PDB file of N, CA and C in Angstrom:
ATOM      1  N   UNK A   1      92.514  79.776 102.646  1.00  0.00           N
ATOM      2  CA  UNK A   1      92.854  81.525 102.283  1.00  0.00           C
ATOM      3  C   UNK A   1      93.848  82.465 103.107  1.00  0.00           C
ATOM      4  N   UNK A   2      94.954  82.665 101.738  1.00  0.00           N
ATOM      5  CA  UNK A   2      96.447  83.113 102.521  1.00  0.00           C
ATOM      6  C   UNK A   2      96.135  85.101 102.018  1.00  0.00           C
ATOM      7  N   UNK A   3      96.981  85.583 102.610  1.00  0.00           N
ATOM      8  CA  UNK A   3      96.670  87.371 102.583  1.00  0.00           C
ATOM      9  C   UNK A   3      98.282  87.517 102.011  1.00  0.00           C
ATOM     10  N   UNK A   4      99.284  88.396 100.875  1.00  0.00           N
ATOM     11  CA  UNK A   4     100.563  88.679 101.179  1.00  0.00           C
ATOM     12  C   UNK A   4     101.009  89.561 100.306  1.00  0.00           C
ATOM     13  N   UNK A   5     101.100  90.628 100.760  1.00  0.00           N
ATOM     14  CA  UNK A   5     101.802  92.270 100.915  1.00  0.00           C
ATOM     15  C   UNK A   5     102.609  91.977  99.685  1.00  0.00           C
ATOM     16  N   UNK A   6     102.846  93.636  98.497  1.00  0.00           N
ATOM     17  CA  UNK A   6     104.079  93.737  98.125  1.00  0.00           C
ATOM     18  C   UNK A   6     104.546  95.097  98.517  1.00  0.00           C
ATOM     19  N   UNK A   7     106.159  95.207  98.439  1.00  0.00           N
ATOM     20  CA  UNK A   7     106.832  95.847  99.286  1.00  0.00           C
ATOM     21  C   UNK A   7     106.285  97.773  98.698  1.00  0.00           C
ATOM     22  N   UNK A   8     105.786  97.991  97.298  1.00  0.00           N
ATOM     23  CA  UNK A   8     105.266  98.686  96.797  1.00  0.00           C
ATOM     24  C   UNK A   8     103.456  98.115  97.051  1.00  0.00           C
ATOM     25  N   UNK A   9     103.185  97.781  98.280  1.00  0.00           N
ATOM     26  CA  UNK A   9     102.175  98.768  99.212  1.00  0.00           C
ATOM     27  C   UNK A   9     100.661  97.251  98.387  1.00  0.00           C
ATOM     28  N   UNK A  10     100.659  96.310  97.249  1.00  0.00           N
ATOM     29  CA  UNK A  10      99.337  95.164  97.289  1.00  0.00           C
ATOM     30  C   UNK A  10      98.989  94.890  98.337  1.00  0.00           C
ATOM     31  N   UNK A  11      98.341  94.248  98.111  1.00  0.00           N
ATOM     32  CA  UNK A  11      98.096  92.815  98.819  1.00  0.00           C
ATOM     33  C   UNK A  11      96.777  92.209  97.642  1.00  0.00           C
ATOM     34  N   UNK A  12      97.392  90.028  98.601  1.00  0.00           N
ATOM     35  CA  UNK A  12      97.304  90.014  97.102  1.00  0.00           C
ATOM     36  C   UNK A  12      96.364  88.191  98.529  1.00  0.00           C
ATOM     37  N   UNK A  13      95.081  88.210  98.018  1.00  0.00           N
ATOM     38  CA  UNK A  13      93.880  87.055  99.162  1.00  0.00           C
ATOM     39  C   UNK A  13      94.560  86.058  97.477  1.00  0.00           C
ATOM     40  N   UNK A  14      94.860  85.035  98.195  1.00  0.00           N
ATOM     41  CA  UNK A  14      95.480  83.505  97.755  1.00  0.00           C
ATOM     42  C   UNK A  14      94.043  83.068  97.567  1.00  0.00           C
ATOM     43  N   UNK A  15      93.403  82.486  96.861  1.00  0.00           N
ATOM     44  CA  UNK A  15      92.148  81.450  96.909  1.00  0.00           C
ATOM     45  C   UNK A  15      92.943  79.975  95.939  1.00  0.00           C
ATOM     46  N   UNK A  16      93.305  78.660  96.470  1.00  0.00           N
ATOM     47  CA  UNK A  16      93.718  77.819  95.320  1.00  0.00           C
ATOM     48  C   UNK A  16      94.167  78.843  94.066  1.00  0.00           C
ATOM     49  N   UNK A  17      94.218  79.042  92.710  1.00  0.00           N
ATOM     50  CA  UNK A  17      94.516  78.832  92.002  1.00  0.00           C
ATOM     51  C   UNK A  17      94.282  80.559  91.694  1.00  0.00           C
ATOM     52  N   UNK A  18      94.030  81.217  92.167  1.00  0.00           N
ATOM     53  CA  UNK A  18      93.523  82.637  91.621  1.00  0.00           C
ATOM     54  C   UNK A  18      93.837  83.776  92.730  1.00  0.00           C
ATOM     55  N   UNK A  19      94.717  84.325  92.707  1.00  0.00           N
ATOM     56  CA  UNK A  19      95.501  85.580  94.045  1.00  0.00           C
ATOM     57  C   UNK A  19      93.463  87.333  93.165  1.00  0.00           C
ATOM     58  N   UNK A  20      93.291  87.402  94.218  1.00  0.00           N
ATOM     59  CA  UNK A  20      92.645  88.972  94.326  1.00  0.00           C
ATOM     60  C   UNK A  20      93.808  89.590  94.731  1.00  0.00           C
ATOM     61  N   UNK A  21      93.728  91.568  93.846  1.00  0.00           N
ATOM     62  CA  UNK A  21      94.809  91.983  94.376  1.00  0.00           C
ATOM     63  C   UNK A  21      93.851  93.847  94.428  1.00  0.00           C
ATOM     64  N   UNK A  22      94.668  94.366  95.923  1.00  0.00           N
ATOM     65  CA  UNK A  22      94.314  95.014  95.817  1.00  0.00           C
ATOM     66  C   UNK A  22      95.161  96.658  96.423  1.00  0.00           C
ATOM     67  N   UNK A  23      94.726  97.164  96.930  1.00  0.00           N
ATOM     68  CA  UNK A  23      95.816  98.190  97.659  1.00  0.00           C
ATOM     69  C   UNK A  23      95.904  97.891  98.813  1.00  0.00           C
ATOM     70  N   UNK A  24      96.925  98.106  99.687  1.00  0.00           N
ATOM     71  CA  UNK A  24      96.967  98.391 101.035  1.00  0.00           C
ATOM     72  C   UNK A  24      96.031  99.331 102.028  1.00  0.00           C
ATOM     73  N   UNK A  25      96.002  99.469 103.304  1.00  0.00           N
ATOM     74  CA  UNK A  25      95.360 100.377 103.812  1.00  0.00           C
ATOM     75  C   UNK A  25      96.007 101.338 104.088  1.00  0.00           C
ATOM     76  N   UNK A  26      97.682 101.100 103.982  1.00  0.00           N
ATOM     77  CA  UNK A  26      98.130 102.141 104.508  1.00  0.00           C
ATOM     78  C   UNK A  26      98.903 102.692 102.990  1.00  0.00           C
ATOM     79  N   UNK A  27      98.367 102.094 101.789  1.00  0.00           N
ATOM     80  CA  UNK A  27      98.835 103.480 100.985  1.00  0.00           C
ATOM     81  C   UNK A  27      97.542 104.052  99.962  1.00  0.00           C
ATOM     82  N   UNK A  28      96.546 102.993 100.601  1.00  0.00           N
ATOM     83  CA  UNK A  28      95.144 104.805 100.617  1.00  0.00           C
ATOM     84  C   UNK A  28      95.071 106.255 101.418  1.00  0.00           C
ATOM     85  N   UNK A  29      96.210 105.669 102.314  1.00  0.00           N
ATOM     86  CA  UNK A  29      96.560 106.848 103.687  1.00  0.00           C
ATOM     87  C   UNK A  29      97.220 107.468 103.052  1.00  0.00           C
ATOM     88  N   UNK A  30      98.451 107.034 102.398  1.00  0.00           N
ATOM     89  CA  UNK A  30      99.503 107.603 101.887  1.00  0.00           C
ATOM     90  C   UNK A  30      99.065 108.591 100.433  1.00  0.00           C
ATOM     91  N   UNK A  31      97.889 107.755  99.849  1.00  0.00           N
ATOM     92  CA  UNK A  31      98.059 108.686  98.089  1.00  0.00           C
ATOM     93  C   UNK A  31      96.336 109.926  99.301  1.00  0.00           C
ATOM     94  N   UNK A  32      95.584 109.866 100.281  1.00  0.00           N
ATOM     95  CA  UNK A  32      95.084 110.560 100.475  1.00  0.00           C
ATOM     96  C   UNK A  32      93.495 109.647  99.657  1.00  0.00           C
ATOM     97  N   UNK A  33      92.849 111.415  98.900  1.00  0.00           N
ATOM     98  CA  UNK A  33      90.906 110.922  98.455  1.00  0.00           C
ATOM     99  C   UNK A  33      91.439 110.434  97.215  1.00  0.00           C
ATOM    100  N   UNK A  34      90.887 109.079  96.817  1.00  0.00           N
ATOM    101  CA  UNK A  34      91.205 108.752  95.728  1.00  0.00           C
ATOM    102  C   UNK A  34      89.958 108.951  94.505  1.00  0.00           C
ATOM    103  N   UNK A  35      90.172 109.830  93.264  1.00  0.00           N
ATOM    104  CA  UNK A  35      89.152 110.235  92.705  1.00  0.00           C
ATOM    105  C   UNK A  35      88.503 109.675  90.992  1.00  0.00           C
ATOM    106  N   UNK A  36      89.879 108.776  91.221  1.00  0.00           N
ATOM    107  CA  UNK A  36      89.716 108.323  89.891  1.00  0.00           C
ATOM    108  C   UNK A  36      90.900 106.437  89.695  1.00  0.00           C
ATOM    109  N   UNK A  37      89.861 105.577  89.185  1.00  0.00           N
ATOM    110  CA  UNK A  37      90.811 104.540  89.071  1.00  0.00           C
ATOM    111  C   UNK A  37      90.468 104.105  87.839  1.00  0.00           C
ATOM    112  N   UNK A  38      92.169 103.481  86.850  1.00  0.00           N
ATOM    113  CA  UNK A  38      92.352 103.137  85.690  1.00  0.00           C
ATOM    114  C   UNK A  38      91.931 101.511  85.787  1.00  0.00           C
ATOM    115  N   UNK A  39      91.029 100.468  85.823  1.00  0.00           N
ATOM    116  CA  UNK A  39      91.643  98.580  85.605  1.00  0.00           C
ATOM    117  C   UNK A  39      91.929  97.822  84.947  1.00  0.00           C
ATOM    118  N   UNK A  40      92.952  96.766  85.193  1.00  0.00           N
ATOM    119  CA  UNK A  40      93.004  96.244  83.481  1.00  0.00           C
ATOM    120  C   UNK A  40      91.841  95.981  82.494  1.00  0.00           C
ATOM    121  N   UNK A  41      91.898  95.451  81.267  1.00  0.00           N
ATOM    122  CA  UNK A  41      91.256  94.668  81.064  1.00  0.00           C
ATOM    123  C   UNK A  41      90.550  92.995  82.042  1.00  0.00           C
ATOM    124  N   UNK A  42      89.263  92.785  81.450  1.00  0.00           N
ATOM    125  CA  UNK A  42      89.460  91.334  81.459  1.00  0.00           C
ATOM    126  C   UNK A  42      89.816  90.755  80.356  1.00  0.00           C
ATOM    127  N   UNK A  43      90.949  89.144  80.460  1.00  0.00           N
ATOM    128  CA  UNK A  43      91.330  89.016  80.030  1.00  0.00           C
ATOM    129  C   UNK A  43      93.047  89.377  79.711  1.00  0.00           C
ATOM    130  N   UNK A  44      93.668  90.196  79.783  1.00  0.00           N
ATOM    131  CA  UNK A  44      94.829  90.628  80.155  1.00  0.00           C
ATOM    132  C   UNK A  44      95.911  89.586  80.115  1.00  0.00           C
ATOM    133  N   UNK A  45      96.427  88.974  79.983  1.00  0.00           N
ATOM    134  CA  UNK A  45      97.845  88.934  80.741  1.00  0.00           C
ATOM    135  C   UNK A  45      99.450  89.388  81.259  1.00  0.00           C
ATOM    136  N   UNK A  46      99.207  89.611  82.302  1.00  0.00           N
ATOM    137  CA  UNK A  46      99.737  90.365  82.972  1.00  0.00           C
ATOM    138  C   UNK A  46     101.157  89.683  84.043  1.00  0.00           C
ATOM    139  N   UNK A  47     102.484  90.722  83.769  1.00  0.00           N
ATOM    140  CA  UNK A  47     103.818  89.889  83.604  1.00  0.00           C
ATOM    141  C   UNK A  47     104.356  90.615  85.429  1.00  0.00           C
ATOM    142  N   UNK A  48     104.602  89.676  85.717  1.00  0.00           N
ATOM    143  CA  UNK A  48     104.902  90.481  87.204  1.00  0.00           C
ATOM    144  C   UNK A  48     105.954  91.736  86.838  1.00  0.00           C
ATOM    145  N   UNK A  49     105.681  92.471  88.168  1.00  0.00           N
ATOM    146  CA  UNK A  49     106.314  93.540  88.628  1.00  0.00           C
ATOM    147  C   UNK A  49     105.766  94.736  87.061  1.00  0.00           C
ATOM    148  N   UNK A  50     104.663  94.093  86.132  1.00  0.00           N
ATOM    149  CA  UNK A  50     104.303  95.493  84.928  1.00  0.00           C
ATOM    150  C   UNK A  50     103.146  95.861  86.120  1.00  0.00           C
ATOM    151  N   UNK A  51     102.648  97.856  85.341  1.00  0.00           N
ATOM    152  CA  UNK A  51     101.860  98.466  85.643  1.00  0.00           C
ATOM    153  C   UNK A  51     100.981  97.649  84.966  1.00  0.00           C
ATOM    154  N   UNK A  52      99.714  97.428  86.319  1.00  0.00           N
ATOM    155  CA  UNK A  52      98.126  97.310  86.358  1.00  0.00           C
ATOM    156  C   UNK A  52      96.930  97.554  85.671  1.00  0.00           C
ATOM    157  N   UNK A  53      97.609  99.002  87.088  1.00  0.00           N
ATOM    158  CA  UNK A  53      96.037 100.065  87.200  1.00  0.00           C
ATOM    159  C   UNK A  53      96.618 101.010  87.070  1.00  0.00           C
ATOM    160  N   UNK A  54      95.802 102.222  87.665  1.00  0.00           N
ATOM    161  CA  UNK A  54      96.608 103.206  87.870  1.00  0.00           C
ATOM    162  C   UNK A  54      95.423 104.411  88.938  1.00  0.00           C
ATOM    163  N   UNK A  55      95.669 104.572  89.785  1.00  0.00           N
ATOM    164  CA  UNK A  55      94.778 105.024  91.156  1.00  0.00           C
ATOM    165  C   UNK A  55      95.388 106.844  90.933  1.00  0.00           C
ATOM    166  N   UNK A  56      95.204 107.554  91.096  1.00  0.00           N
ATOM    167  CA  UNK A  56      94.714 109.233  90.895  1.00  0.00           C
ATOM    168  C   UNK A  56      94.411 109.274  91.961  1.00  0.00           C
ATOM    169  N   UNK A  57      94.488 110.494  92.956  1.00  0.00           N
ATOM    170  CA  UNK A  57      93.704 111.177  94.134  1.00  0.00           C
ATOM    171  C   UNK A  57      94.442 112.592  94.018  1.00  0.00           C
ATOM    172  N   UNK A  58      93.807 113.137  95.020  1.00  0.00           N
ATOM    173  CA  UNK A  58      93.912 114.792  94.764  1.00  0.00           C
ATOM    174  C   UNK A  58      95.244 115.085  95.791  1.00  0.00           C
ATOM    175  N   UNK A  59      96.109 114.393  95.482  1.00  0.00           N
ATOM    176  CA  UNK A  59      97.591 114.734  95.396  1.00  0.00           C
ATOM    177  C   UNK A  59      98.686 114.280  94.378  1.00  0.00           C
ATOM    178  N   UNK A  60      97.459 113.118  94.201  1.00  0.00           N
ATOM    179  CA  UNK A  60      99.186 112.225  92.822  1.00  0.00           C
ATOM    180  C   UNK A  60      98.381 110.749  92.400  1.00  0.00           C
ATOM    181  N   UNK A  61      99.190 110.325  91.503  1.00  0.00           N
ATOM    182  CA  UNK A  61      98.477 109.518  90.437  1.00  0.00           C
ATOM    183  C   UNK A  61     100.034 108.441  90.622  1.00  0.00           C
ATOM    184  N   UNK A  62      99.304 107.136  90.912  1.00  0.00           N
ATOM    185  CA  UNK A  62      99.698 106.199  91.942  1.00  0.00           C
ATOM    186  C   UNK A  62     100.116 105.053  90.457  1.00  0.00           C
ATOM    187  N   UNK A  63     100.512 104.308  90.200  1.00  0.00           N
ATOM    188  CA  UNK A  63     100.744 102.731  89.567  1.00  0.00           C
ATOM    189  C   UNK A  63     100.654 101.581  90.448  1.00  0.00           C
ATOM    190  N   UNK A  64      99.539 100.809  90.405  1.00  0.00           N
ATOM    191  CA  UNK A  64      99.278  99.863  90.467  1.00  0.00           C
ATOM    192  C   UNK A  64     100.122  98.258  90.092  1.00  0.00           C
ATOM    193  N   UNK A  65     101.012  97.680  90.937  1.00  0.00           N
ATOM    194  CA  UNK A  65     102.203  96.669  89.695  1.00  0.00           C
ATOM    195  C   UNK A  65     101.179  95.334  89.947  1.00  0.00           C
ATOM    196  N   UNK A  66     101.490  94.517  88.887  1.00  0.00           N
ATOM    197  CA  UNK A  66     101.235  93.112  89.454  1.00  0.00           C
ATOM    198  C   UNK A  66     101.839  92.045  89.907  1.00  0.00           C
ATOM    199  N   UNK A  67     101.190  91.926  90.716  1.00  0.00           N
ATOM    200  CA  UNK A  67     102.584  91.590  92.255  1.00  0.00           C
ATOM    201  C   UNK A  67     102.927  89.841  91.423  1.00  0.00           C
ATOM    202  N   UNK A  68     101.864  89.571  90.851  1.00  0.00           N
ATOM    203  CA  UNK A  68     102.329  87.512  90.194  1.00  0.00           C
ATOM    204  C   UNK A  68     102.236  87.805  88.670  1.00  0.00           C
ATOM    205  N   UNK A  69     102.206  86.548  88.137  1.00  0.00           N
ATOM    206  CA  UNK A  69     101.752  86.951  86.214  1.00  0.00           C
ATOM    207  C   UNK A  69     100.109  86.120  86.464  1.00  0.00           C
ATOM    208  N   UNK A  70      99.804  86.398  85.884  1.00  0.00           N
ATOM    209  CA  UNK A  70      98.889  85.632  85.638  1.00  0.00           C
ATOM    210  C   UNK A  70      97.424  86.834  84.457  1.00  0.00           C
ATOM    211  N   UNK A  71      96.238  86.210  84.075  1.00  0.00           N
ATOM    212  CA  UNK A  71      95.256  86.138  82.983  1.00  0.00           C
ATOM    213  C   UNK A  71      94.706  87.058  84.703  1.00  0.00           C
ATOM    214  N   UNK A  72      93.870  88.438  83.865  1.00  0.00           N
ATOM    215  CA  UNK A  72      92.953  88.822  84.601  1.00  0.00           C
ATOM    216  C   UNK A  72      91.634  88.517  84.377  1.00  0.00           C
ATOM    217  N   UNK A  73      90.782  87.353  85.340  1.00  0.00           N
ATOM    218  CA  UNK A  73      89.534  87.037  85.399  1.00  0.00           C
ATOM    219  C   UNK A  73      88.689  88.395  85.429  1.00  0.00           C
ATOM    220  N   UNK A  74      88.561  89.047  86.944  1.00  0.00           N
ATOM    221  CA  UNK A  74      87.556  89.939  86.617  1.00  0.00           C
ATOM    222  C   UNK A  74      87.526  91.489  87.332  1.00  0.00           C
ATOM    223  N   UNK A  75      87.336  92.341  87.240  1.00  0.00           N
ATOM    224  CA  UNK A  75      87.617  93.303  87.195  1.00  0.00           C
ATOM    225  C   UNK A  75      86.737  93.551  88.883  1.00  0.00           C
ATOM    226  N   UNK A  76      86.512  95.106  89.302  1.00  0.00           N
ATOM    227  CA  UNK A  76      85.732  94.970  90.138  1.00  0.00           C
ATOM    228  C   UNK A  76      85.591  96.637  90.009  1.00  0.00           C
ATOM    229  N   UNK A  77      84.846  96.652  88.967  1.00  0.00           N
ATOM    230  CA  UNK A  77      83.497  97.849  88.142  1.00  0.00           C
ATOM    231  C   UNK A  77      83.646  98.843  89.293  1.00  0.00           C
ATOM    232  N   UNK A  78      82.604  98.354  90.929  1.00  0.00           N
ATOM    233  CA  UNK A  78      82.207  99.391  91.273  1.00  0.00           C
ATOM    234  C   UNK A  78      83.521 100.554  92.019  1.00  0.00           C
ATOM    235  N   UNK A  79      84.665 100.002  91.510  1.00  0.00           N
ATOM    236  CA  UNK A  79      85.268 100.942  90.978  1.00  0.00           C
ATOM    237  C   UNK A  79      85.287 101.894  90.064  1.00  0.00           C
ATOM    238  N   UNK A  80      85.593 101.698  89.665  1.00  0.00           N
ATOM    239  CA  UNK A  80      85.047 103.509  88.828  1.00  0.00           C
ATOM    240  C   UNK A  80      84.347 103.678  88.839  1.00  0.00           C
ATOM    241  N   UNK A  81      83.234 103.296  89.583  1.00  0.00           N
ATOM    242  CA  UNK A  81      81.666 103.976  89.519  1.00  0.00           C
ATOM    243  C   UNK A  81      81.836 105.046  91.265  1.00  0.00           C
ATOM    244  N   UNK A  82      83.142 104.542  91.594  1.00  0.00           N
ATOM    245  CA  UNK A  82      82.796 104.854  92.848  1.00  0.00           C
ATOM    246  C   UNK A  82      84.614 104.851  93.668  1.00  0.00           C
ATOM    247  N   UNK A  83      85.407 105.273  92.905  1.00  0.00           N
ATOM    248  CA  UNK A  83      86.973 105.821  93.229  1.00  0.00           C
ATOM    249  C   UNK A  83      86.679 105.364  95.083  1.00  0.00           C
ATOM    250  N   UNK A  84      86.366 106.561  95.637  1.00  0.00           N
ATOM    251  CA  UNK A  84      86.641 106.635  96.898  1.00  0.00           C
ATOM    252  C   UNK A  84      85.977 105.265  98.042  1.00  0.00           C
ATOM    253  N   UNK A  85      85.696 104.356  96.919  1.00  0.00           N
ATOM    254  CA  UNK A  85      85.073 102.727  97.602  1.00  0.00           C
ATOM    255  C   UNK A  85      87.123 102.244  98.428  1.00  0.00           C
ATOM    256  N   UNK A  86      87.771 103.149  98.003  1.00  0.00           N
ATOM    257  CA  UNK A  86      89.365 102.642  97.906  1.00  0.00           C
ATOM    258  C   UNK A  86      89.826 103.182  99.656  1.00  0.00           C
ATOM    259  N   UNK A  87      89.284 104.536  99.724  1.00  0.00           N
ATOM    260  CA  UNK A  87      89.664 105.097 100.896  1.00  0.00           C
ATOM    261  C   UNK A  87      88.518 104.340 102.154  1.00  0.00           C
ATOM    262  N   UNK A  88      87.590 103.668 101.842  1.00  0.00           N
ATOM    263  CA  UNK A  88      86.609 103.472 103.068  1.00  0.00           C
ATOM    264  C   UNK A  88      86.615 101.674 103.449  1.00  0.00           C
ATOM    265  N   UNK A  89      87.473 101.386 102.582  1.00  0.00           N
ATOM    266  CA  UNK A  89      87.528 100.005 102.223  1.00  0.00           C
ATOM    267  C   UNK A  89      88.656  99.272 101.738  1.00  0.00           C
ATOM    268  N   UNK A  90      90.491 100.120 101.707  1.00  0.00           N
ATOM    269  CA  UNK A  90      91.507  99.351 100.805  1.00  0.00           C
ATOM    270  C   UNK A  90      91.386  97.269 101.014  1.00  0.00           C
ATOM    271  N   UNK A  91      91.136  97.216 102.177  1.00  0.00           N
ATOM    272  CA  UNK A  91      91.499  96.197 102.750  1.00  0.00           C
ATOM    273  C   UNK A  91      90.132  94.356 102.054  1.00  0.00           C
ATOM    274  N   UNK A  92      89.062  95.888 101.815  1.00  0.00           N
ATOM    275  CA  UNK A  92      88.113  94.397 101.814  1.00  0.00           C
ATOM    276  C   UNK A  92      87.110  94.797 100.183  1.00  0.00           C
ATOM    277  N   UNK A  93      85.653  95.164  99.843  1.00  0.00           N
ATOM    278  CA  UNK A  93      85.758  95.870  99.270  1.00  0.00           C
ATOM    279  C   UNK A  93      86.227  95.945  97.564  1.00  0.00           C
ATOM    280  N   UNK A  94      86.675  97.138  97.944  1.00  0.00           N
ATOM    281  CA  UNK A  94      87.731  97.939  97.338  1.00  0.00           C
ATOM    282  C   UNK A  94      89.399  97.059  96.577  1.00  0.00           C
ATOM    283  N   UNK A  95      88.758  95.643  96.406  1.00  0.00           N
ATOM    284  CA  UNK A  95      89.684  95.001  95.275  1.00  0.00           C
ATOM    285  C   UNK A  95      89.316  95.758  93.866  1.00  0.00           C
ATOM    286  N   UNK A  96      90.846  95.340  93.269  1.00  0.00           N
ATOM    287  CA  UNK A  96      91.343  95.890  92.572  1.00  0.00           C
ATOM    288  C   UNK A  96      90.423  95.015  91.102  1.00  0.00           C
ATOM    289  N   UNK A  97      91.190  94.012  91.103  1.00  0.00           N
ATOM    290  CA  UNK A  97      91.192  92.704  90.195  1.00  0.00           C
ATOM    291  C   UNK A  97      91.543  91.884  90.332  1.00  0.00           C
ATOM    292  N   UNK A  98      90.820  90.167  89.635  1.00  0.00           N
ATOM    293  CA  UNK A  98      90.875  88.546  90.159  1.00  0.00           C
ATOM    294  C   UNK A  98      92.057  88.317  88.998  1.00  0.00           C
ATOM    295  N   UNK A  99      93.057  87.411  89.233  1.00  0.00           N
ATOM    296  CA  UNK A  99      94.147  86.891  88.190  1.00  0.00           C
ATOM    297  C   UNK A  99      94.545  85.838  88.290  1.00  0.00           C
ATOM    298  N   UNK A 100      93.723  84.651  87.427  1.00  0.00           N
ATOM    299  CA  UNK A 100      94.745  83.209  87.340  1.00  0.00           C
ATOM    300  C   UNK A 100      95.915  83.169  87.436  1.00  0.00           C
ATOM    301  N   UNK A 101      96.749  82.977  88.680  1.00  0.00           N
ATOM    302  CA  UNK A 101      98.245  82.455  88.721  1.00  0.00           C
ATOM    303  C   UNK A 101      98.749  82.508  87.705  1.00  0.00           C
ATOM    304  N   UNK A 102      99.794  82.115  86.932  1.00  0.00           N
ATOM    305  CA  UNK A 102     100.357  81.121  86.446  1.00  0.00           C
ATOM    306  C   UNK A 102     101.660  80.655  86.493  1.00  0.00           C
ATOM    307  N   UNK A 103     102.438  81.281  87.833  1.00  0.00           N
ATOM    308  CA  UNK A 103     103.248  80.577  88.673  1.00  0.00           C
ATOM    309  C   UNK A 103     103.874  80.632  89.525  1.00  0.00           C
ATOM    310  N   UNK A 104     102.630  80.201  90.459  1.00  0.00           N
ATOM    311  CA  UNK A 104     102.897  80.079  92.150  1.00  0.00           C
ATOM    312  C   UNK A 104     104.272  80.725  92.258  1.00  0.00           C
ATOM    313  N   UNK A 105     105.538  80.287  92.093  1.00  0.00           N
ATOM    314  CA  UNK A 105     106.745  79.854  92.315  1.00  0.00           C
ATOM    315  C   UNK A 105     107.020  81.715  92.489  1.00  0.00           C
ATOM    316  N   UNK A 106     106.409  82.406  92.281  1.00  0.00           N
ATOM    317  CA  UNK A 106     106.409  83.988  92.197  1.00  0.00           C
ATOM    318  C   UNK A 106     105.897  84.852  93.568  1.00  0.00           C
ATOM    319  N   UNK A 107     105.000  84.090  94.854  1.00  0.00           N
ATOM    320  CA  UNK A 107     104.543  84.070  95.634  1.00  0.00           C
ATOM    321  C   UNK A 107     105.326  84.349  97.349  1.00  0.00           C
ATOM    322  N   UNK A 108     106.512  83.274  96.448  1.00  0.00           N
ATOM    323  CA  UNK A 108     107.444  83.483  97.282  1.00  0.00           C
ATOM    324  C   UNK A 108     108.208  84.423  98.205  1.00  0.00           C
ATOM    325  N   UNK A 109     108.501  85.918  97.501  1.00  0.00           N
ATOM    326  CA  UNK A 109     108.968  86.509  97.352  1.00  0.00           C
ATOM    327  C   UNK A 109     108.317  87.718  98.081  1.00  0.00           C
ATOM    328  N   UNK A 110     107.235  87.399  98.504  1.00  0.00           N
ATOM    329  CA  UNK A 110     106.623  88.421  99.275  1.00  0.00           C
ATOM    330  C   UNK A 110     106.058  88.400 101.228  1.00  0.00           C
ATOM    331  N   UNK A 111     105.435  88.879 101.006  1.00  0.00           N
ATOM    332  CA  UNK A 111     105.321  89.374 103.084  1.00  0.00           C
ATOM    333  C   UNK A 111     104.197  88.574 103.484  1.00  0.00           C
ATOM    334  N   UNK A 112     103.952  88.381 104.672  1.00  0.00           N
ATOM    335  CA  UNK A 112     103.071  87.630 105.123  1.00  0.00           C
ATOM    336  C   UNK A 112     102.749  89.381 105.951  1.00  0.00           C
ATOM    337  N   UNK A 113     101.947  89.502 106.620  1.00  0.00           N
ATOM    338  CA  UNK A 113     101.101  90.505 107.817  1.00  0.00           C
ATOM    339  C   UNK A 113     102.199  90.894 108.624  1.00  0.00           C
ATOM    340  N   UNK A 114     102.919  90.326 109.027  1.00  0.00           N
ATOM    341  CA  UNK A 114     104.186  90.507 110.020  1.00  0.00           C
ATOM    342  C   UNK A 114     105.046  90.542 109.585  1.00  0.00           C
ATOM    343  N   UNK A 115     105.599  90.241 108.536  1.00  0.00           N
ATOM    344  CA  UNK A 115     106.147  90.855 107.617  1.00  0.00           C
ATOM    345  C   UNK A 115     106.064  92.453 107.126  1.00  0.00           C
ATOM    346  N   UNK A 116     104.768  92.291 106.332  1.00  0.00           N
ATOM    347  CA  UNK A 116     104.594  94.094 105.691  1.00  0.00           C
ATOM    348  C   UNK A 116     104.538  95.124 107.162  1.00  0.00           C
ATOM    349  N   UNK A 117     104.110  94.487 108.206  1.00  0.00           N
ATOM    350  CA  UNK A 117     104.057  95.949 109.258  1.00  0.00           C
ATOM    351  C   UNK A 117     104.972  96.442 109.342  1.00  0.00           C
ATOM    352  N   UNK A 118     106.482  95.757 109.513  1.00  0.00           N
ATOM    353  CA  UNK A 118     108.123  95.517 109.924  1.00  0.00           C
ATOM    354  C   UNK A 118     108.215  96.660 108.462  1.00  0.00           C
ATOM    355  N   UNK A 119     107.863  96.777 107.208  1.00  0.00           N
ATOM    356  CA  UNK A 119     108.191  96.913 105.921  1.00  0.00           C
ATOM    357  C   UNK A 119     107.629  98.401 106.377  1.00  0.00           C
ATOM    358  N   UNK A 120     106.060  98.733 106.984  1.00  0.00           N
ATOM    359  CA  UNK A 120     106.041 100.412 107.212  1.00  0.00           C
ATOM    360  C   UNK A 120     105.524 100.321 108.228  1.00  0.00           C
ATOM    361  N   UNK A 121     106.185 100.205 109.094  1.00  0.00           N
ATOM    362  CA  UNK A 121     106.842 100.474 110.703  1.00  0.00           C
ATOM    363  C   UNK A 121     108.039 101.897 110.554  1.00  0.00           C
TER     364      UNK A 121
END
């Protein structure tokens, strides 16, 4: 399992040809208290950099972008019921969706943990 990060503060956990995607702890700390999440529909085809989800907090609304292209396989319905889960466990239980990777070469431009930490420093 490999974890990669985008400059827009999404994380991807890669297992085979499936990526689980969420927002980073840094992103949730910048958002503040999350009050609403709109997730993509299962079966939707996403292109890299396309808006995939929306997060609303007491401060602002923010788009979550597809870090890679692929088909949405599953969404985390727990977030719709309890959006605050993002504040409690952004890097774990608060994953947004799983996507079947359509082009693994798109992973090449993403950062590892050290690169992401330098990006947010």
